Amino acid sequence: KVDYDVCSNYGNWLYSAGIGNDPRENRKFNMIKQGLDYDGNGDYVRLWVPELQGIKGADIHTPWALSSAALSQAGVTLGDTYPRPVVTAPEWSRHIHQRPGGSLHARGKRGPAQHKDRGIDFYFSRKKDA
């Protein structure tokens, strides 16, 4: 099933492009964090990007961060069977945690409900984190 809601999708694309109402300055869409939060195991990517099917787990969200051996084992050659990234944003690095063997730390396994205990007061509180 492909999710398609014209109003939501247009609104989300505009928001991602930095057009819209957001009180935070310098807001950027972090596709790595989004992938880990909503597709922690990479199943959605694997469905639509068959070139990356051999990559296991959350590593699929950042194939350029894998070791040559891991890419070879998955049958992926950057620049040949799958393109190299055009841009890598500095803010992605905090979501890429290397483990021995070049694997990524799969933070997204908890899914979108990971903030369920925060409640609305968390987001609108006047308290500032130290």
N, C-alpha and C. Protein backbone atom coordinates (compact mmCIF):
# COMPACT_ATOMS: atom_id res chain seq x y z
N LYS A 1 0.85 -1.18 0.00
CA LYS A 1 0.00 0.00 0.00
C LYS A 1 0.89 1.24 0.00
N VAL A 2 0.60 2.16 -0.87
CA VAL A 2 1.33 3.42 -0.93
C VAL A 2 0.44 4.50 -0.33
N ASP A 3 1.00 5.24 0.61
CA ASP A 3 0.26 6.31 1.27
C ASP A 3 0.21 7.53 0.37
N TYR A 4 -0.98 8.03 0.11
CA TYR A 4 -1.08 9.23 -0.70
C TYR A 4 -2.28 10.05 -0.25
N ASP A 5 -2.01 11.19 0.29
CA ASP A 5 -3.03 12.15 0.67
C ASP A 5 -2.54 13.49 0.15
N VAL A 6 -3.21 14.03 -0.85
CA VAL A 6 -2.73 15.21 -1.56
C VAL A 6 -2.39 16.35 -0.59
N CYS A 7 -3.30 16.70 0.28
CA CYS A 7 -3.07 17.84 1.18
C CYS A 7 -1.93 17.58 2.15
N SER A 8 -1.92 16.41 2.76
CA SER A 8 -0.84 16.09 3.70
C SER A 8 0.50 16.04 3.00
N ASN A 9 0.55 15.40 1.84
CA ASN A 9 1.83 15.28 1.13
C ASN A 9 2.35 16.63 0.69
N TYR A 10 1.50 17.48 0.11
CA TYR A 10 1.95 18.81 -0.30
C TYR A 10 2.43 19.61 0.90
N GLY A 11 1.65 19.55 1.98
CA GLY A 11 2.04 20.26 3.20
C GLY A 11 3.37 19.77 3.74
N ASN A 12 3.56 18.47 3.75
CA ASN A 12 4.83 17.91 4.25
C ASN A 12 6.00 18.28 3.36
N TRP A 13 5.80 18.27 2.04
CA TRP A 13 6.88 18.65 1.13
C TRP A 13 7.25 20.11 1.32
N LEU A 14 6.25 20.97 1.48
CA LEU A 14 6.54 22.39 1.70
C LEU A 14 7.27 22.59 3.03
N TYR A 15 6.81 21.89 4.07
CA TYR A 15 7.45 21.98 5.37
C TYR A 15 8.90 21.51 5.28
N SER A 16 9.12 20.41 4.59
CA SER A 16 10.47 19.87 4.42
C SER A 16 11.37 20.84 3.66
N ALA A 17 10.78 21.61 2.76
CA ALA A 17 11.54 22.58 1.98
C ALA A 17 11.82 23.86 2.76
N GLY A 18 11.28 23.93 3.98
CA GLY A 18 11.53 25.12 4.81
C GLY A 18 10.53 26.23 4.59
N ILE A 19 9.41 25.91 3.94
CA ILE A 19 8.37 26.90 3.70
C ILE A 19 7.20 26.54 4.60
N GLY A 20 6.83 27.42 5.47
CA GLY A 20 5.70 27.13 6.34
C GLY A 20 5.90 27.72 7.71
N ASN A 21 4.99 27.40 8.60
CA ASN A 21 5.03 27.95 9.94
C ASN A 21 5.82 27.04 10.87
N ASP A 22 6.98 27.47 11.24
CA ASP A 22 7.80 26.74 12.20
C ASP A 22 8.61 27.77 12.98
N PRO A 23 8.44 27.82 14.29
CA PRO A 23 9.15 28.82 15.08
C PRO A 23 10.64 28.56 15.19
N ARG A 24 11.08 27.36 14.84
CA ARG A 24 12.50 27.04 14.97
C ARG A 24 13.28 27.56 13.78
N GLU A 25 14.38 28.19 14.06
CA GLU A 25 15.21 28.75 13.01
C GLU A 25 16.07 27.65 12.38
N ASN A 26 16.36 27.81 11.11
CA ASN A 26 17.25 26.90 10.39
C ASN A 26 16.77 25.45 10.43
N ARG A 27 15.48 25.25 10.26
CA ARG A 27 14.87 23.92 10.30
C ARG A 27 15.25 23.14 9.05
N LYS A 28 15.69 21.89 9.23
CA LYS A 28 16.04 21.04 8.10
C LYS A 28 15.41 19.68 8.29
N PHE A 29 15.02 19.08 7.19
CA PHE A 29 14.47 17.74 7.21
C PHE A 29 15.62 16.74 7.23
N ASN A 30 15.65 15.86 8.20
CA ASN A 30 16.72 14.89 8.33
C ASN A 30 16.21 13.53 7.86
N MET A 31 16.53 13.19 6.61
CA MET A 31 15.99 11.95 6.04
C MET A 31 16.54 10.70 6.71
N ILE A 32 17.73 10.77 7.28
CA ILE A 32 18.28 9.60 7.97
C ILE A 32 17.47 9.34 9.24
N LYS A 33 17.26 10.38 10.04
CA LYS A 33 16.46 10.23 11.26
C LYS A 33 15.04 9.76 10.92
N GLN A 34 14.46 10.33 9.89
CA GLN A 34 13.11 9.94 9.47
C GLN A 34 13.06 8.46 9.11
N GLY A 35 14.05 8.00 8.35
CA GLY A 35 14.10 6.60 7.98
C GLY A 35 14.24 5.69 9.18
N LEU A 36 15.10 6.07 10.13
CA LEU A 36 15.29 5.25 11.32
C LEU A 36 14.06 5.25 12.21
N ASP A 37 13.37 6.39 12.31
CA ASP A 37 12.19 6.47 13.16
C ASP A 37 11.01 5.68 12.59
N TYR A 38 10.82 5.73 11.28
CA TYR A 38 9.61 5.15 10.69
C TYR A 38 9.85 3.89 9.87
N ASP A 39 11.09 3.54 9.63
CA ASP A 39 11.41 2.33 8.86
C ASP A 39 12.71 1.76 9.41
N GLY A 40 12.73 1.51 10.72
CA GLY A 40 13.94 1.11 11.42
C GLY A 40 14.66 -0.09 10.83
N ASN A 41 13.93 -1.02 10.29
CA ASN A 41 14.55 -2.21 9.72
C ASN A 41 14.81 -2.07 8.22
N GLY A 42 14.31 -0.98 7.62
CA GLY A 42 14.55 -0.73 6.20
C GLY A 42 13.63 -1.46 5.25
N ASP A 43 12.53 -2.01 5.75
CA ASP A 43 11.63 -2.79 4.90
C ASP A 43 11.02 -1.97 3.76
N TYR A 44 10.64 -0.72 4.04
CA TYR A 44 10.04 0.13 3.01
C TYR A 44 11.06 0.46 1.92
N VAL A 45 12.27 0.80 2.32
CA VAL A 45 13.33 1.09 1.34
C VAL A 45 13.61 -0.15 0.51
N ARG A 46 13.71 -1.29 1.18
CA ARG A 46 14.00 -2.55 0.47
C ARG A 46 12.93 -2.88 -0.56
N LEU A 47 11.68 -2.52 -0.27
CA LEU A 47 10.58 -2.77 -1.19
C LEU A 47 10.71 -1.94 -2.46
N TRP A 48 11.09 -0.68 -2.33
CA TRP A 48 11.10 0.25 -3.46
C TRP A 48 12.47 0.46 -4.09
N VAL A 49 13.53 0.02 -3.42
CA VAL A 49 14.89 0.18 -3.98
C VAL A 49 15.55 -1.19 -4.01
N PRO A 50 15.23 -1.99 -5.02
CA PRO A 50 15.72 -3.37 -5.07
C PRO A 50 17.25 -3.46 -5.12
N GLU A 51 17.92 -2.42 -5.57
CA GLU A 51 19.39 -2.43 -5.63
C GLU A 51 20.01 -2.58 -4.24
N LEU A 52 19.26 -2.23 -3.21
CA LEU A 52 19.80 -2.28 -1.84
C LEU A 52 19.25 -3.46 -1.02
N GLN A 53 18.53 -4.37 -1.65
CA GLN A 53 17.91 -5.47 -0.91
C GLN A 53 18.88 -6.33 -0.13
N GLY A 54 20.12 -6.40 -0.55
CA GLY A 54 21.10 -7.23 0.15
C GLY A 54 21.64 -6.61 1.43
N ILE A 55 21.33 -5.35 1.68
CA ILE A 55 21.80 -4.68 2.90
C ILE A 55 20.83 -5.00 4.03
N LYS A 56 21.35 -5.45 5.13
CA LYS A 56 20.52 -5.88 6.27
C LYS A 56 20.20 -4.72 7.21
N GLY A 57 19.01 -4.75 7.78
CA GLY A 57 18.61 -3.83 8.83
C GLY A 57 18.68 -2.36 8.46
N ALA A 58 18.94 -1.54 9.46
CA ALA A 58 18.95 -0.08 9.31
C ALA A 58 20.11 0.42 8.47
N ASP A 59 21.09 -0.43 8.20
CA ASP A 59 22.22 -0.02 7.36
C ASP A 59 21.75 0.46 5.99
N ILE A 60 20.58 0.04 5.57
CA ILE A 60 20.07 0.40 4.25
C ILE A 60 19.86 1.90 4.10
N HIS A 61 19.68 2.61 5.20
CA HIS A 61 19.44 4.06 5.14
C HIS A 61 20.70 4.86 4.81
N THR A 62 21.85 4.29 5.01
CA THR A 62 23.11 5.00 4.74
C THR A 62 24.13 4.05 4.12
N PRO A 63 23.89 3.58 2.91
CA PRO A 63 24.81 2.60 2.32
C PRO A 63 26.22 3.16 2.13
N TRP A 64 26.37 4.46 1.94
CA TRP A 64 27.70 5.05 1.74
C TRP A 64 28.55 4.97 3.00
N ALA A 65 27.95 4.71 4.16
CA ALA A 65 28.70 4.63 5.41
C ALA A 65 29.19 3.21 5.69
N LEU A 66 28.81 2.26 4.86
CA LEU A 66 29.22 0.87 5.07
C LEU A 66 30.65 0.64 4.55
N SER A 67 31.26 -0.37 5.10
CA SER A 67 32.61 -0.73 4.65
C SER A 67 32.52 -1.34 3.25
N SER A 68 33.65 -1.37 2.56
CA SER A 68 33.70 -1.98 1.23
C SER A 68 33.29 -3.43 1.28
N ALA A 69 33.72 -4.13 2.33
CA ALA A 69 33.37 -5.55 2.48
C ALA A 69 31.87 -5.74 2.64
N ALA A 70 31.23 -4.89 3.46
CA ALA A 70 29.79 -5.00 3.68
C ALA A 70 29.03 -4.71 2.39
N LEU A 71 29.49 -3.70 1.65
CA LEU A 71 28.84 -3.37 0.37
C LEU A 71 29.01 -4.52 -0.63
N SER A 72 30.20 -5.08 -0.69
CA SER A 72 30.48 -6.19 -1.59
C SER A 72 29.60 -7.39 -1.25
N GLN A 73 29.48 -7.69 0.03
CA GLN A 73 28.66 -8.82 0.48
C GLN A 73 27.19 -8.61 0.11
N ALA A 74 26.74 -7.34 0.11
CA ALA A 74 25.35 -7.02 -0.23
C ALA A 74 25.15 -6.89 -1.74
N GLY A 75 26.23 -6.96 -2.51
CA GLY A 75 26.12 -6.84 -3.96
C GLY A 75 25.93 -5.40 -4.42
N VAL A 76 26.39 -4.45 -3.62
CA VAL A 76 26.24 -3.03 -3.94
C VAL A 76 27.60 -2.43 -4.25
N THR A 77 27.67 -1.72 -5.37
CA THR A 77 28.88 -0.98 -5.73
C THR A 77 28.48 0.48 -5.88
N LEU A 78 28.92 1.32 -4.95
CA LEU A 78 28.58 2.73 -5.03
C LEU A 78 29.16 3.32 -6.32
N GLY A 79 28.32 4.09 -7.00
CA GLY A 79 28.74 4.68 -8.26
C GLY A 79 28.48 3.78 -9.46
N ASP A 80 28.07 2.54 -9.21
CA ASP A 80 27.79 1.61 -10.30
C ASP A 80 26.38 1.04 -10.15
N THR A 81 26.17 0.15 -9.18
CA THR A 81 24.84 -0.43 -8.99
C THR A 81 23.93 0.47 -8.16
N TYR A 82 24.51 1.42 -7.44
CA TYR A 82 23.75 2.39 -6.66
C TYR A 82 24.56 3.69 -6.63
N PRO A 83 23.91 4.84 -6.84
CA PRO A 83 24.68 6.09 -6.91
C PRO A 83 25.31 6.50 -5.59
N ARG A 84 26.42 7.21 -5.68
CA ARG A 84 27.04 7.82 -4.50
C ARG A 84 26.17 9.00 -4.09
N PRO A 85 26.19 9.37 -2.83
CA PRO A 85 25.39 10.53 -2.43
C PRO A 85 25.91 11.82 -3.08
N VAL A 86 25.01 12.68 -3.47
CA VAL A 86 25.39 13.97 -4.03
C VAL A 86 25.80 14.91 -2.89
N VAL A 87 25.07 14.81 -1.77
CA VAL A 87 25.32 15.64 -0.60
C VAL A 87 25.19 14.75 0.64
N THR A 88 26.01 14.99 1.62
CA THR A 88 25.81 14.39 2.94
C THR A 88 25.78 15.53 3.95
N ALA A 89 24.64 15.71 4.57
CA ALA A 89 24.46 16.81 5.51
C ALA A 89 25.16 16.51 6.83
N PRO A 90 25.81 17.51 7.43
CA PRO A 90 26.51 17.30 8.70
C PRO A 90 25.61 16.79 9.81
N GLU A 91 24.34 17.21 9.83
CA GLU A 91 23.44 16.78 10.90
C GLU A 91 23.07 15.30 10.81
N TRP A 92 23.34 14.65 9.71
CA TRP A 92 23.09 13.21 9.61
C TRP A 92 24.04 12.42 10.49
N SER A 93 25.22 12.94 10.72
CA SER A 93 26.26 12.18 11.41
C SER A 93 25.83 11.73 12.80
N ARG A 94 25.01 12.49 13.47
CA ARG A 94 24.60 12.09 14.83
C ARG A 94 23.66 10.88 14.81
N HIS A 95 23.17 10.52 13.64
CA HIS A 95 22.30 9.35 13.51
C HIS A 95 23.02 8.15 12.90
N ILE A 96 24.28 8.33 12.62
CA ILE A 96 25.08 7.25 12.06
C ILE A 96 26.11 6.86 13.12
N HIS A 97 25.86 5.78 13.81
CA HIS A 97 26.77 5.32 14.86
C HIS A 97 27.46 4.05 14.40
N GLN A 98 28.72 4.15 14.12
CA GLN A 98 29.47 2.99 13.63
C GLN A 98 29.66 1.96 14.74
N ARG A 99 29.51 0.71 14.39
CA ARG A 99 29.82 -0.41 15.27
C ARG A 99 30.90 -1.21 14.57
N PRO A 100 31.57 -2.08 15.28
CA PRO A 100 32.59 -2.91 14.63
C PRO A 100 31.99 -3.63 13.42
N GLY A 101 32.72 -3.61 12.32
CA GLY A 101 32.25 -4.25 11.10
C GLY A 101 31.54 -3.30 10.18
N GLY A 102 31.44 -2.02 10.57
CA GLY A 102 30.84 -1.02 9.70
C GLY A 102 29.33 -0.94 9.78
N SER A 103 28.69 -1.66 10.70
CA SER A 103 27.24 -1.61 10.80
C SER A 103 26.81 -0.35 11.53
N LEU A 104 25.60 0.06 11.24
CA LEU A 104 25.04 1.22 11.91
C LEU A 104 24.27 0.78 13.14
N HIS A 105 24.23 1.65 14.10
CA HIS A 105 23.41 1.42 15.28
C HIS A 105 21.97 1.69 14.87
N ALA A 106 21.11 0.70 14.94
CA ALA A 106 19.73 0.84 14.47
C ALA A 106 18.88 1.51 15.53
N ARG A 107 18.86 2.82 15.54
CA ARG A 107 18.11 3.57 16.54
C ARG A 107 16.61 3.49 16.30
N GLY A 108 16.18 3.30 15.09
CA GLY A 108 14.78 3.41 14.76
C GLY A 108 13.93 2.20 15.07
N LYS A 109 14.45 1.20 15.72
CA LYS A 109 13.68 -0.03 15.94
C LYS A 109 12.47 0.20 16.84
N ARG A 110 12.52 1.25 17.65
CA ARG A 110 11.38 1.52 18.51
C ARG A 110 10.22 2.12 17.73
N GLY A 111 10.46 2.68 16.58
CA GLY A 111 9.41 3.23 15.74
C GLY A 111 8.92 4.58 16.20
N PRO A 112 7.84 5.07 15.57
CA PRO A 112 7.36 6.42 15.83
C PRO A 112 6.80 6.62 17.22
N ALA A 113 6.47 5.55 17.93
CA ALA A 113 5.88 5.69 19.27
C ALA A 113 6.93 5.95 20.35
N GLN A 114 8.18 6.16 19.98
CA GLN A 114 9.23 6.29 20.97
C GLN A 114 9.06 7.50 21.88
N HIS A 115 8.24 8.49 21.50
CA HIS A 115 8.03 9.67 22.33
C HIS A 115 6.65 9.67 22.97
N LYS A 116 5.99 8.53 23.01
CA LYS A 116 4.60 8.49 23.47
C LYS A 116 4.41 8.95 24.90
N ASP A 117 5.45 8.83 25.74
CA ASP A 117 5.32 9.20 27.14
C ASP A 117 5.59 10.68 27.39
N ARG A 118 5.94 11.42 26.37
CA ARG A 118 6.29 12.83 26.56
C ARG A 118 5.06 13.70 26.75
N GLY A 119 4.01 13.45 26.04
CA GLY A 119 2.82 14.26 26.14
C GLY A 119 3.01 15.63 25.53
N ILE A 120 1.91 16.34 25.40
CA ILE A 120 1.95 17.64 24.74
C ILE A 120 2.75 18.67 25.54
N ASP A 121 2.78 18.55 26.86
CA ASP A 121 3.53 19.51 27.68
C ASP A 121 5.02 19.50 27.35
N PHE A 122 5.53 18.36 26.94
CA PHE A 122 6.95 18.28 26.59
C PHE A 122 7.27 19.25 25.45
N TYR A 123 6.40 19.30 24.46
CA TYR A 123 6.66 20.10 23.27
C TYR A 123 6.37 21.60 23.46
N PHE A 124 5.48 21.92 24.41
CA PHE A 124 5.11 23.31 24.59
C PHE A 124 5.54 23.88 25.93
N SER A 125 6.38 23.18 26.64
CA SER A 125 6.84 23.64 27.94
C SER A 125 7.73 24.87 27.78
N ARG A 126 7.69 25.75 28.76
CA ARG A 126 8.56 26.93 28.74
C ARG A 126 9.95 26.60 29.26
N LYS A 127 10.11 25.44 29.87
CA LYS A 127 11.42 25.03 30.38
C LYS A 127 12.38 24.80 29.23
N LYS A 128 13.59 25.17 29.43
CA LYS A 128 14.63 24.95 28.42
C LYS A 128 15.60 23.90 28.96
N ASP A 129 15.99 22.98 28.08
CA ASP A 129 16.98 21.98 28.48
C ASP A 129 18.31 22.65 28.72
N ALA A 130 19.05 22.14 29.70
CA ALA A 130 20.35 22.73 30.03
C ALA A 130 21.40 22.27 29.05
